[in-house]
Amino acid sequence: MLKLIMLNACLLLLPLFKSKFLWLVSQTTSIFTSFVLIMSYPQTTSISMSPMSIFTDFLNYPLIILTFWISSLMILSSFMTFQNKKSPEMFTFLIIFLNLSLYVCFSSSNILTFYIFFELSLIPTLFLILGWGNQPERLQAGFYLMIYTVTASLPLLMSILFLTYENNSFNFLHSMWYTPHIWYLTKFWWLISITAFMVKMPLYLTHLWLPKAHVEAPVAGSMILAGLLLKLGGYGLIRLSFIFPQNSHNILAPFIAVSLWGAIITGLICLRQHDMKSLIAYSSIGHMGLVISGVMTMTKWGWEGAILMMIAHGLASSAMFSIANSTYEATHSRSLYISKGLISLFPTMSMLFFLLSAANMAAPPSINLVSEISLLTSILSSSAMTAPLIAIISFLAGAYSLFLYVSTQHGSTLSFLNPMALFTQRNYLTLTMHLMPLFIIILKSDILFNWLM
C-alpha cells in the first residue's frame, strides 16, 4: 500500500512535462492501480499494517479501489477539457492530488491524519468547481461547499483533540476508548463528533450545498462528489460508530426520522426537477439517508448494507453524471424539456441509460438491490413504524429514475441536436466500466458483506 502512495505522489510531477499523452498516461495509471488492488484483494479479515500509519481491512479496501476506479473514469469523461486545452496540466494535478488525499484518508489509522486529509480533499474539489464550472453561480456553490463542511468539521476537530487527550492515542484501532466522564455531556459530545460526517453525506437539513455544487461543477467534479466525497462521511461515521456503538444507539430515533423523511421529501423534489444534474444530486440525498439510518441502527446488517450501498451509489451516481454530461455535450442544455428522443438516434446508449436507471432504483441484478434489502431490514428491526416511510421511499426511487429515463429518451428529437457528440467510443467505454462492477459484484457480494466477521 505504501508503494501506491509513492506512485501517486510521483504522478503529481506528471503535469510539469506538458506532454500530449498526459490524458492517456494519467488515466491508464489509475485504472492499472485499480486492477492491481482488485487482484490483491485480501482473503481474510485480518488487518494489514504498513509504515506511516497506513492500514487496510475489509471496510476501507473497497473504498480505496473505488477511489482509483472513479478517478480513472473522471479523466476519461473529461476528454473535452484536454481537447479544448482548458488548463489540462492543472486539471490533471488536481485530480491526482485529490486521489492521493482520499487514498490516505481512507487508509490512515491515525485519527488526526484522517481528519487532516478529510478536510484537505475539499481544496482540489473547490478549485475544480471554480476553475472548470460553466456558470457564474459556481462562486456561490463553492462558498456553500466550504461554509457548510468547514463549519461542521471544527467541532469534530475539538472532539478528536479531546479523545486523544483522554486516551493518549491517535490510533483508530485502539481497543479501549474513553468518552466524557460527565454522563449528561455524552450525547452532546457524540452529536458534535458526527455532525461533520452528516453534513458531508449529507443528512437532510444540511444538504443545501450539495445540489449547488453538483450543478455548477464540471463532470469530473460531479463524479468525484457523488462517487467518493459523500463516502467520506459514511466511512467516518462507521469508524466512529464501531468504536462507540452505544452512543449512536442512544440518538437513533431522531436521525432515522430525519433521514427517512428527508429521503421522501427529496424524492418528491426529484419529480419536480427539470435539470438533469439537479435531479441526480437530490436522489443522492435519499440514498445517503438510507445509509445514515442503517449505520445508526448499530446492527451487523446495517453496517454491511451501508458499505455495499456506498459502493453501489458511488458507481451508479457517477455514471448518471457522466451520461448527463454526454447529453449536455450533444444538446448544450441540461433541461429535460430539450433533451428528447435520444432512443431513436442511439439505442445502445439508451439501453445503457436504462440499465443505470434500473440500478439507481435498486432493480435486480444490481448490487443496489442487495444493499437496500440489507439496509431496509436493519431499519425495520429498529422500529416497525418505519415500514410506511420505507415503502414510499422505494416507490419514489423508481418513479424519479423512470421519469429521468423517459424524459430524455422518448419524444421527438429537436432540430439543433448534435448527435455526433454522443457517438463516441469514450462515452460507451465510460458507461460500460461503471456498469460492469454494478452487475458483477453481486456474484461475489460476500467480499463486501462479511467485513465484520
Protein backbone atom coordinates (compact mmCIF):
# COMPACT_ATOMS: atom_id res chain seq x y z
CA MET A 1 0.00 0.00 0.00
CA LEU A 2 2.87 2.35 0.72
CA LYS A 3 4.15 1.80 -2.82
CA LEU A 4 0.83 3.05 -4.19
CA ILE A 5 1.17 6.27 -2.22
CA MET A 6 4.65 6.79 -3.66
CA LEU A 7 3.36 6.06 -7.17
CA ASN A 8 0.58 8.64 -6.87
CA ALA A 9 2.98 11.15 -5.33
CA CYS A 10 5.23 10.72 -8.39
CA LEU A 11 2.23 11.29 -10.65
CA LEU A 12 1.89 14.79 -9.18
CA LEU A 13 5.01 15.69 -11.21
CA LEU A 14 3.43 14.43 -14.43
CA PRO A 15 1.66 17.72 -15.38
CA LEU A 16 5.03 19.54 -15.34
CA PHE A 17 6.10 17.80 -18.55
CA LYS A 18 3.11 19.12 -20.57
CA SER A 19 3.04 16.01 -22.72
CA LYS A 20 0.36 15.38 -25.31
CA PHE A 21 -0.06 11.95 -23.69
CA LEU A 22 -0.94 13.49 -20.30
CA TRP A 23 -4.59 12.43 -20.54
CA LEU A 24 -3.73 8.87 -21.56
CA VAL A 25 -0.91 8.31 -19.04
CA SER A 26 -2.85 9.62 -16.00
CA GLN A 27 -5.95 7.62 -16.90
CA THR A 28 -4.02 4.41 -17.64
CA THR A 29 -2.07 4.63 -14.39
CA SER A 30 -5.23 4.99 -12.29
CA ILE A 31 -7.02 2.09 -13.95
CA PHE A 32 -3.89 -0.07 -13.73
CA THR A 33 -3.68 0.65 -9.99
CA SER A 34 -7.33 -0.35 -9.63
CA PHE A 35 -6.70 -3.71 -11.30
CA VAL A 36 -3.64 -4.32 -9.12
CA LEU A 37 -5.71 -3.68 -5.99
CA ILE A 38 -8.52 -5.93 -7.22
CA MET A 39 -6.10 -8.78 -7.95
CA SER A 40 -4.56 -8.44 -4.46
CA TYR A 41 -7.89 -8.28 -2.63
CA PRO A 42 -7.41 -9.66 0.92
CA GLN A 43 -8.79 -13.13 1.56
CA THR A 44 -9.01 -12.86 5.35
CA THR A 45 -10.42 -10.29 7.75
CA SER A 46 -7.02 -9.60 9.31
CA ILE A 47 -5.74 -6.04 9.27
CA SER A 48 -2.72 -5.31 7.09
CA MET A 49 -0.48 -2.64 8.60
CA SER A 50 2.22 -0.60 6.86
CA PRO A 51 4.59 2.14 7.98
CA MET A 52 3.28 5.73 8.27
CA SER A 53 0.06 4.50 9.98
CA ILE A 54 -1.35 3.09 6.75
CA PHE A 55 -3.63 0.04 7.11
CA THR A 56 -6.24 -1.87 5.12
CA ASP A 57 -9.16 -4.04 6.10
CA PHE A 58 -12.43 -5.16 4.55
CA LEU A 59 -14.03 -1.78 5.30
CA ASN A 60 -11.62 0.64 3.61
CA TYR A 61 -10.18 -1.62 0.89
CA PRO A 62 -13.30 -1.48 -1.38
CA LEU A 63 -13.40 2.30 -0.97
CA ILE A 64 -9.72 2.58 -1.94
CA ILE A 65 -10.39 0.55 -5.09
CA LEU A 66 -13.41 2.76 -5.82
CA THR A 67 -11.19 5.85 -5.44
CA PHE A 68 -8.78 4.79 -8.19
CA TRP A 69 -11.56 3.40 -10.40
CA ILE A 70 -13.65 6.58 -10.30
CA SER A 71 -10.53 8.76 -10.73
CA SER A 72 -9.65 7.00 -13.98
CA LEU A 73 -13.22 7.39 -15.24
CA MET A 74 -13.19 11.08 -14.27
CA ILE A 75 -10.21 11.65 -16.54
CA LEU A 76 -11.84 9.57 -19.29
CA SER A 77 -15.06 11.62 -19.09
CA SER A 78 -13.17 14.93 -19.13
CA PHE A 79 -11.64 14.47 -22.58
CA MET A 80 -13.10 17.78 -23.77
CA THR A 81 -11.06 19.61 -21.13
CA PHE A 82 -7.87 18.22 -22.67
CA GLN A 83 -9.07 18.64 -26.25
CA ASN A 84 -10.04 22.30 -25.73
CA LYS A 85 -6.83 22.93 -23.74
CA LYS A 86 -8.60 24.30 -20.65
CA SER A 87 -5.51 24.13 -18.42
CA PRO A 88 -5.19 20.32 -18.71
CA GLU A 89 -1.99 20.26 -16.63
CA MET A 90 -3.60 21.92 -13.60
CA PHE A 91 -6.75 19.84 -14.08
CA THR A 92 -4.72 16.61 -14.00
CA PHE A 93 -2.72 17.80 -10.99
CA LEU A 94 -5.91 18.49 -9.01
CA ILE A 95 -7.40 15.08 -9.81
CA ILE A 96 -4.21 13.22 -8.86
CA PHE A 97 -3.84 15.30 -5.68
CA LEU A 98 -7.47 14.62 -4.76
CA ASN A 99 -6.93 10.93 -5.49
CA LEU A 100 -3.93 10.84 -3.15
CA SER A 101 -5.80 12.73 -0.40
CA LEU A 102 -8.73 10.33 -0.49
CA TYR A 103 -6.44 7.32 -0.50
CA VAL A 104 -4.56 8.48 2.60
CA CYS A 105 -7.84 9.45 4.31
CA PHE A 106 -9.40 6.02 3.78
CA SER A 107 -6.29 4.06 4.76
CA SER A 108 -4.98 6.11 7.70
CA SER A 109 -5.09 4.54 11.15
CA ASN A 110 -4.21 7.87 12.77
CA ILE A 111 -7.42 9.72 13.61
CA LEU A 112 -5.76 13.15 13.32
CA THR A 113 -4.29 12.29 9.92
CA PHE A 114 -7.72 11.11 8.87
CA TYR A 115 -9.18 14.49 9.84
CA ILE A 116 -6.46 16.46 8.03
CA PHE A 117 -6.95 14.64 4.73
CA PHE A 118 -10.72 14.60 5.29
CA GLU A 119 -10.58 18.40 5.09
CA LEU A 120 -7.77 18.56 2.53
CA SER A 121 -9.97 16.85 -0.06
CA LEU A 122 -12.18 19.95 -0.14
CA ILE A 123 -9.46 22.18 -1.61
CA PRO A 124 -8.98 20.46 -5.02
CA THR A 125 -12.75 19.94 -5.23
CA LEU A 126 -13.29 23.68 -4.71
CA PHE A 127 -10.72 24.52 -7.39
CA LEU A 128 -12.38 22.11 -9.82
CA ILE A 129 -15.73 23.84 -9.30
CA LEU A 130 -14.33 27.38 -9.52
CA GLY A 131 -11.91 26.75 -12.37
CA TRP A 132 -13.87 24.48 -14.70
CA GLY A 133 -17.50 25.22 -13.83
CA ASN A 134 -19.68 26.63 -16.61
CA GLN A 135 -21.88 29.20 -14.87
CA PRO A 136 -21.17 32.30 -12.74
CA GLU A 137 -23.13 30.66 -9.91
CA ARG A 138 -20.11 28.39 -9.31
CA LEU A 139 -18.78 31.04 -6.92
CA GLN A 140 -21.87 30.71 -4.73
CA ALA A 141 -21.68 26.90 -4.99
CA GLY A 142 -18.05 26.94 -3.81
CA PHE A 143 -18.97 29.29 -0.96
CA TYR A 144 -21.78 26.97 0.17
CA LEU A 145 -19.49 23.95 -0.04
CA MET A 146 -16.81 25.49 2.16
CA ILE A 147 -19.11 27.11 4.72
CA TYR A 148 -21.20 24.01 5.36
CA THR A 149 -18.38 21.49 5.50
CA VAL A 150 -15.72 23.53 7.31
CA THR A 151 -18.14 24.87 9.93
CA ALA A 152 -19.37 21.37 10.74
CA SER A 153 -15.81 19.99 10.83
CA LEU A 154 -14.49 22.32 13.54
CA PRO A 155 -16.49 20.56 16.31
CA LEU A 156 -15.09 17.26 15.02
CA LEU A 157 -11.56 18.60 15.47
CA MET A 158 -12.37 19.57 19.05
CA SER A 159 -13.78 16.10 19.68
CA ILE A 160 -10.68 14.42 18.22
CA LEU A 161 -8.37 16.52 20.38
CA PHE A 162 -10.45 15.64 23.44
CA LEU A 163 -10.34 11.91 22.61
CA THR A 164 -6.59 11.90 22.10
CA TYR A 165 -6.11 13.77 25.38
CA GLU A 166 -8.28 11.30 27.30
CA ASN A 167 -6.88 8.14 25.67
CA ASN A 168 -3.28 9.13 24.92
CA SER A 169 -3.61 7.57 21.48
CA PHE A 170 -4.32 8.65 17.90
CA ASN A 171 -4.87 5.10 16.66
CA PHE A 172 -8.25 4.20 15.14
CA LEU A 173 -7.60 0.58 16.10
CA HIS A 174 -7.13 1.32 19.80
CA SER A 175 -9.02 -1.36 21.75
CA MET A 176 -10.42 0.85 24.56
CA TRP A 177 -11.63 4.41 24.09
CA TYR A 178 -12.83 6.61 26.92
CA THR A 179 -15.73 9.03 26.48
CA PRO A 180 -16.57 12.15 28.57
CA HIS A 181 -16.83 11.35 32.26
CA ILE A 182 -19.89 13.59 32.76
CA TRP A 183 -22.80 11.43 31.64
CA TYR A 184 -25.15 14.24 30.53
CA LEU A 185 -22.48 15.61 28.17
CA THR A 186 -22.02 12.31 26.35
CA LYS A 187 -24.91 12.83 23.91
CA PHE A 188 -23.83 16.39 23.15
CA TRP A 189 -20.22 15.30 22.60
CA TRP A 190 -21.31 12.49 20.27
CA LEU A 191 -23.59 14.84 18.35
CA ILE A 192 -20.81 17.32 17.59
CA SER A 193 -18.49 14.41 16.70
CA ILE A 194 -20.72 13.05 13.93
CA THR A 195 -22.06 16.39 12.62
CA ALA A 196 -19.20 16.71 10.12
CA PHE A 197 -19.98 13.29 8.67
CA MET A 198 -23.70 14.04 8.50
CA VAL A 199 -23.03 17.25 6.55
CA LYS A 200 -20.62 15.50 4.21
CA MET A 201 -23.04 12.66 3.32
CA PRO A 202 -25.31 14.81 3.56
CA LEU A 203 -28.16 14.43 6.02
CA TYR A 204 -31.36 16.23 5.04
CA LEU A 205 -31.48 19.77 6.54
CA THR A 206 -27.71 20.08 5.98
CA HIS A 207 -27.89 19.27 2.27
CA LEU A 208 -28.24 22.67 0.60
CA TRP A 209 -24.61 22.77 -0.54
CA LEU A 210 -24.89 19.51 -2.50
CA PRO A 211 -27.30 20.43 -5.36
CA LYS A 212 -25.49 23.73 -5.92
CA ALA A 213 -22.07 22.09 -6.00
CA HIS A 214 -23.22 19.31 -8.34
CA VAL A 215 -24.99 21.61 -10.79
CA GLU A 216 -22.10 24.07 -11.11
CA ALA A 217 -19.25 21.55 -11.06
CA PRO A 218 -17.72 20.09 -14.26
CA VAL A 219 -18.32 16.43 -14.94
CA ALA A 220 -15.16 15.41 -13.04
CA GLY A 221 -16.26 17.45 -10.01
CA SER A 222 -19.74 15.90 -10.02
CA MET A 223 -18.34 12.39 -10.36
CA ILE A 224 -15.87 12.81 -7.51
CA LEU A 225 -18.51 14.44 -5.29
CA ALA A 226 -21.08 11.70 -5.84
CA GLY A 227 -18.68 8.80 -6.16
CA LEU A 228 -16.19 9.48 -3.37
CA LEU A 229 -16.60 12.60 -1.24
CA LEU A 230 -20.03 11.57 0.03
CA LYS A 231 -18.47 8.24 1.02
CA LEU A 232 -16.01 10.01 3.32
CA GLY A 233 -18.93 10.87 5.60
CA GLY A 234 -20.22 7.30 5.61
CA TYR A 235 -16.77 5.86 6.23
CA GLY A 236 -16.06 8.23 9.14
CA LEU A 237 -19.48 7.58 10.66
CA ILE A 238 -18.96 3.79 10.52
CA ARG A 239 -15.47 4.05 12.02
CA LEU A 240 -16.59 6.17 14.97
CA SER A 241 -19.76 4.14 15.47
CA PHE A 242 -17.68 0.98 15.52
CA ILE A 243 -15.62 2.47 18.37
CA PHE A 244 -18.60 3.91 20.32
CA PRO A 245 -21.65 1.77 19.39
CA GLN A 246 -23.75 2.68 22.41
CA ASN A 247 -23.60 6.42 21.72
CA SER A 248 -25.19 6.04 18.28
CA HIS A 249 -27.89 3.79 19.69
CA ASN A 250 -28.87 6.49 22.21
CA ILE A 251 -29.71 9.03 19.48
CA LEU A 252 -31.06 6.54 16.95
CA ALA A 253 -34.67 7.76 16.69
CA PRO A 254 -34.22 11.41 15.63
CA PHE A 255 -31.62 10.62 12.98
CA ILE A 256 -33.68 7.82 11.44
CA ALA A 257 -36.75 10.08 11.40
CA VAL A 258 -34.91 12.99 9.75
CA SER A 259 -33.09 10.83 7.19
CA LEU A 260 -36.18 8.85 6.13
CA TRP A 261 -38.45 11.88 5.90
CA GLY A 262 -35.66 13.71 4.08
CA ALA A 263 -35.45 10.86 1.57
CA ILE A 264 -39.19 11.20 0.91
CA ILE A 265 -39.03 14.99 0.51
CA THR A 266 -36.03 14.86 -1.83
CA GLY A 267 -37.76 12.12 -3.84
CA LEU A 268 -40.72 14.43 -4.34
CA ILE A 269 -38.33 17.25 -5.28
CA CYS A 270 -36.76 14.98 -7.92
CA LEU A 271 -40.15 14.55 -9.60
CA ARG A 272 -40.38 18.35 -9.98
CA GLN A 273 -36.89 18.89 -11.39
CA HIS A 274 -36.18 19.90 -14.97
CA ASP A 275 -32.38 19.96 -14.60
CA MET A 276 -30.77 16.52 -15.06
CA LYS A 277 -27.81 17.15 -12.75
CA SER A 278 -30.02 18.63 -10.06
CA LEU A 279 -32.32 15.57 -10.18
CA ILE A 280 -29.38 13.18 -9.81
CA ALA A 281 -27.94 15.28 -6.97
CA TYR A 282 -31.20 15.25 -4.99
CA SER A 283 -31.52 11.49 -5.49
CA SER A 284 -28.14 11.08 -3.75
CA ILE A 285 -29.57 12.64 -0.59
CA GLY A 286 -32.26 9.95 -0.47
CA HIS A 287 -29.76 7.11 -0.91
CA MET A 288 -27.43 8.53 1.72
CA GLY A 289 -30.41 8.88 4.08
CA LEU A 290 -30.79 5.10 3.99
CA VAL A 291 -27.07 4.71 4.71
CA ILE A 292 -27.31 7.02 7.75
CA SER A 293 -30.30 5.11 9.07
CA GLY A 294 -28.60 1.76 8.55
CA VAL A 295 -25.40 2.81 10.32
CA MET A 296 -27.25 4.34 13.26
CA THR A 297 -29.14 1.09 13.93
CA MET A 298 -25.84 -0.41 15.18
CA THR A 299 -26.62 -3.80 13.60
CA LYS A 300 -24.39 -6.04 11.50
CA TRP A 301 -26.79 -5.91 8.57
CA GLY A 302 -26.98 -2.13 8.80
CA TRP A 303 -23.22 -1.66 8.67
CA GLU A 304 -22.70 -4.21 5.89
CA GLY A 305 -25.58 -2.77 3.88
CA ALA A 306 -24.15 0.72 4.35
CA ILE A 307 -20.75 -0.14 2.86
CA LEU A 308 -22.41 -2.01 -0.02
CA MET A 309 -24.76 0.92 -0.68
CA MET A 310 -21.82 3.34 -0.71
CA ILE A 311 -20.04 1.26 -3.35
CA ALA A 312 -23.23 0.84 -5.40
CA HIS A 313 -24.20 4.51 -5.18
CA GLY A 314 -20.64 5.62 -5.98
CA LEU A 315 -20.72 3.71 -9.26
CA ALA A 316 -24.35 4.39 -10.24
CA SER A 317 -24.42 8.10 -9.38
CA SER A 318 -21.04 8.73 -11.02
CA ALA A 319 -22.29 7.03 -14.19
CA MET A 320 -25.50 9.09 -14.14
CA PHE A 321 -23.49 12.32 -14.01
CA SER A 322 -21.27 11.05 -16.80
CA ILE A 323 -24.20 10.31 -19.11
CA ALA A 324 -25.78 13.66 -18.16
CA ASN A 325 -22.56 15.34 -19.30
CA SER A 326 -22.61 13.38 -22.57
CA THR A 327 -26.17 14.54 -23.17
CA TYR A 328 -25.14 18.11 -22.38
CA GLU A 329 -22.36 17.92 -24.98
CA ALA A 330 -24.96 16.91 -27.57
CA THR A 331 -27.76 19.34 -26.65
CA HIS A 332 -25.82 22.12 -24.83
CA SER A 333 -28.56 22.06 -22.22
CA ARG A 334 -29.30 20.13 -19.05
CA SER A 335 -33.04 20.70 -19.35
CA LEU A 336 -35.30 17.65 -19.57
CA TYR A 337 -37.56 19.66 -21.90
CA ILE A 338 -34.84 19.95 -24.53
CA SER A 339 -33.06 16.57 -24.29
CA LYS A 340 -35.61 14.42 -26.10
CA GLY A 341 -35.76 11.45 -28.44
CA LEU A 342 -32.27 10.07 -27.90
CA ILE A 343 -33.50 6.48 -28.16
CA SER A 344 -34.21 6.93 -31.88
CA LEU A 345 -30.63 8.06 -32.51
CA PHE A 346 -28.63 5.88 -30.15
CA PRO A 347 -30.47 2.75 -28.99
CA THR A 348 -27.28 1.29 -27.46
CA MET A 349 -26.70 4.40 -25.37
CA SER A 350 -30.37 4.34 -24.39
CA MET A 351 -30.02 0.73 -23.24
CA LEU A 352 -27.04 1.66 -21.05
CA PHE A 353 -29.03 4.58 -19.65
CA PHE A 354 -31.91 2.22 -18.83
CA LEU A 355 -29.56 -0.16 -17.01
CA LEU A 356 -28.24 2.74 -14.96
CA SER A 357 -31.76 3.89 -14.14
CA ALA A 358 -32.65 0.35 -13.10
CA ALA A 359 -29.60 0.18 -10.84
CA ASN A 360 -30.46 3.58 -9.38
CA MET A 361 -33.90 2.28 -8.36
CA ALA A 362 -32.33 -0.90 -6.90
CA ALA A 363 -33.60 -3.32 -9.52
CA PRO A 364 -32.05 -6.79 -9.83
CA PRO A 365 -29.41 -7.95 -10.52
CA SER A 366 -27.52 -4.86 -9.35
CA ILE A 367 -25.73 -4.65 -6.00
CA ASN A 368 -28.05 -1.75 -5.16
CA LEU A 369 -30.80 -4.34 -4.57
CA VAL A 370 -28.71 -6.35 -2.09
CA SER A 371 -27.65 -3.22 -0.23
CA GLU A 372 -31.19 -1.86 0.04
CA ILE A 373 -32.55 -5.20 1.28
CA SER A 374 -29.89 -5.25 4.00
CA LEU A 375 -30.46 -1.61 4.97
CA LEU A 376 -34.25 -1.84 4.99
CA THR A 377 -34.10 -5.00 7.13
CA SER A 378 -31.88 -3.29 9.70
CA ILE A 379 -34.10 -0.18 9.77
CA LEU A 380 -37.26 -2.25 10.21
CA SER A 381 -35.61 -4.18 13.03
CA SER A 382 -35.18 -0.91 14.94
CA SER A 383 -38.84 0.09 14.55
CA ALA A 384 -41.75 -1.37 12.59
CA MET A 385 -43.20 2.16 12.37
CA THR A 386 -40.69 2.93 9.60
CA ALA A 387 -42.37 0.49 7.18
CA PRO A 388 -44.68 3.10 5.51
CA LEU A 389 -41.77 5.52 5.07
CA ILE A 390 -39.61 2.81 3.51
CA ALA A 391 -42.42 1.85 1.11
CA ILE A 392 -42.79 5.46 -0.04
CA ILE A 393 -39.01 5.87 -0.47
CA SER A 394 -38.80 2.75 -2.64
CA PHE A 395 -41.73 3.89 -4.79
CA LEU A 396 -40.28 7.39 -5.28
CA ALA A 397 -36.85 5.98 -6.20
CA GLY A 398 -38.44 4.02 -9.03
CA ALA A 399 -40.62 6.97 -10.04
CA TYR A 400 -37.89 9.58 -10.47
CA SER A 401 -35.47 7.12 -12.08
CA LEU A 402 -38.05 6.21 -14.74
CA PHE A 403 -39.03 9.87 -15.06
CA LEU A 404 -35.42 10.78 -15.88
CA TYR A 405 -35.10 7.96 -18.40
CA VAL A 406 -38.42 8.56 -20.19
CA SER A 407 -37.95 12.34 -20.31
CA THR A 408 -34.59 12.13 -22.08
CA GLN A 409 -35.01 9.06 -24.29
CA HIS A 410 -38.56 9.37 -25.62
CA GLY A 411 -40.29 12.11 -27.55
CA SER A 412 -39.44 13.93 -30.78
CA THR A 413 -35.82 14.82 -31.50
CA LEU A 414 -35.09 18.55 -31.66
CA SER A 415 -33.54 20.01 -34.82
CA PHE A 416 -30.50 21.64 -33.19
CA LEU A 417 -29.32 18.42 -31.51
CA ASN A 418 -25.72 17.43 -32.30
CA PRO A 419 -25.94 13.62 -32.39
CA MET A 420 -22.25 13.05 -33.14
CA ALA A 421 -21.32 14.35 -29.68
CA LEU A 422 -22.89 11.23 -28.16
CA PHE A 423 -21.49 8.84 -30.76
CA THR A 424 -18.02 8.39 -29.27
CA GLN A 425 -16.27 5.30 -28.02
CA ARG A 426 -15.27 7.28 -24.94
CA ASN A 427 -18.90 7.61 -23.80
CA TYR A 428 -19.65 3.92 -24.30
CA LEU A 429 -16.44 2.87 -22.54
CA THR A 430 -17.13 5.14 -19.55
CA LEU A 431 -20.64 3.79 -19.03
CA THR A 432 -19.59 0.17 -19.54
CA MET A 433 -16.82 0.48 -16.93
CA HIS A 434 -19.38 1.87 -14.49
CA LEU A 435 -21.95 -0.81 -15.22
CA MET A 436 -19.71 -3.89 -15.10
CA PRO A 437 -18.95 -3.67 -11.35
CA LEU A 438 -22.60 -2.85 -10.57
CA PHE A 439 -23.82 -6.13 -12.05
CA ILE A 440 -20.77 -8.35 -11.48
CA ILE A 441 -20.08 -7.73 -7.78
CA ILE A 442 -23.42 -9.31 -6.87
CA LEU A 443 -21.93 -12.66 -7.94
CA LYS A 444 -19.33 -12.27 -5.18
CA SER A 445 -21.07 -9.90 -2.78
CA ASP A 446 -19.72 -11.77 0.26
CA ILE A 447 -16.40 -9.93 -0.09
CA LEU A 448 -18.25 -6.74 0.86
CA PHE A 449 -20.84 -8.33 3.14
CA ASN A 450 -18.54 -10.20 5.52
CA TRP A 451 -16.16 -7.46 6.61
CA LEU A 452 -17.41 -7.72 10.22
CA MET A 453 -16.66 -11.45 10.54
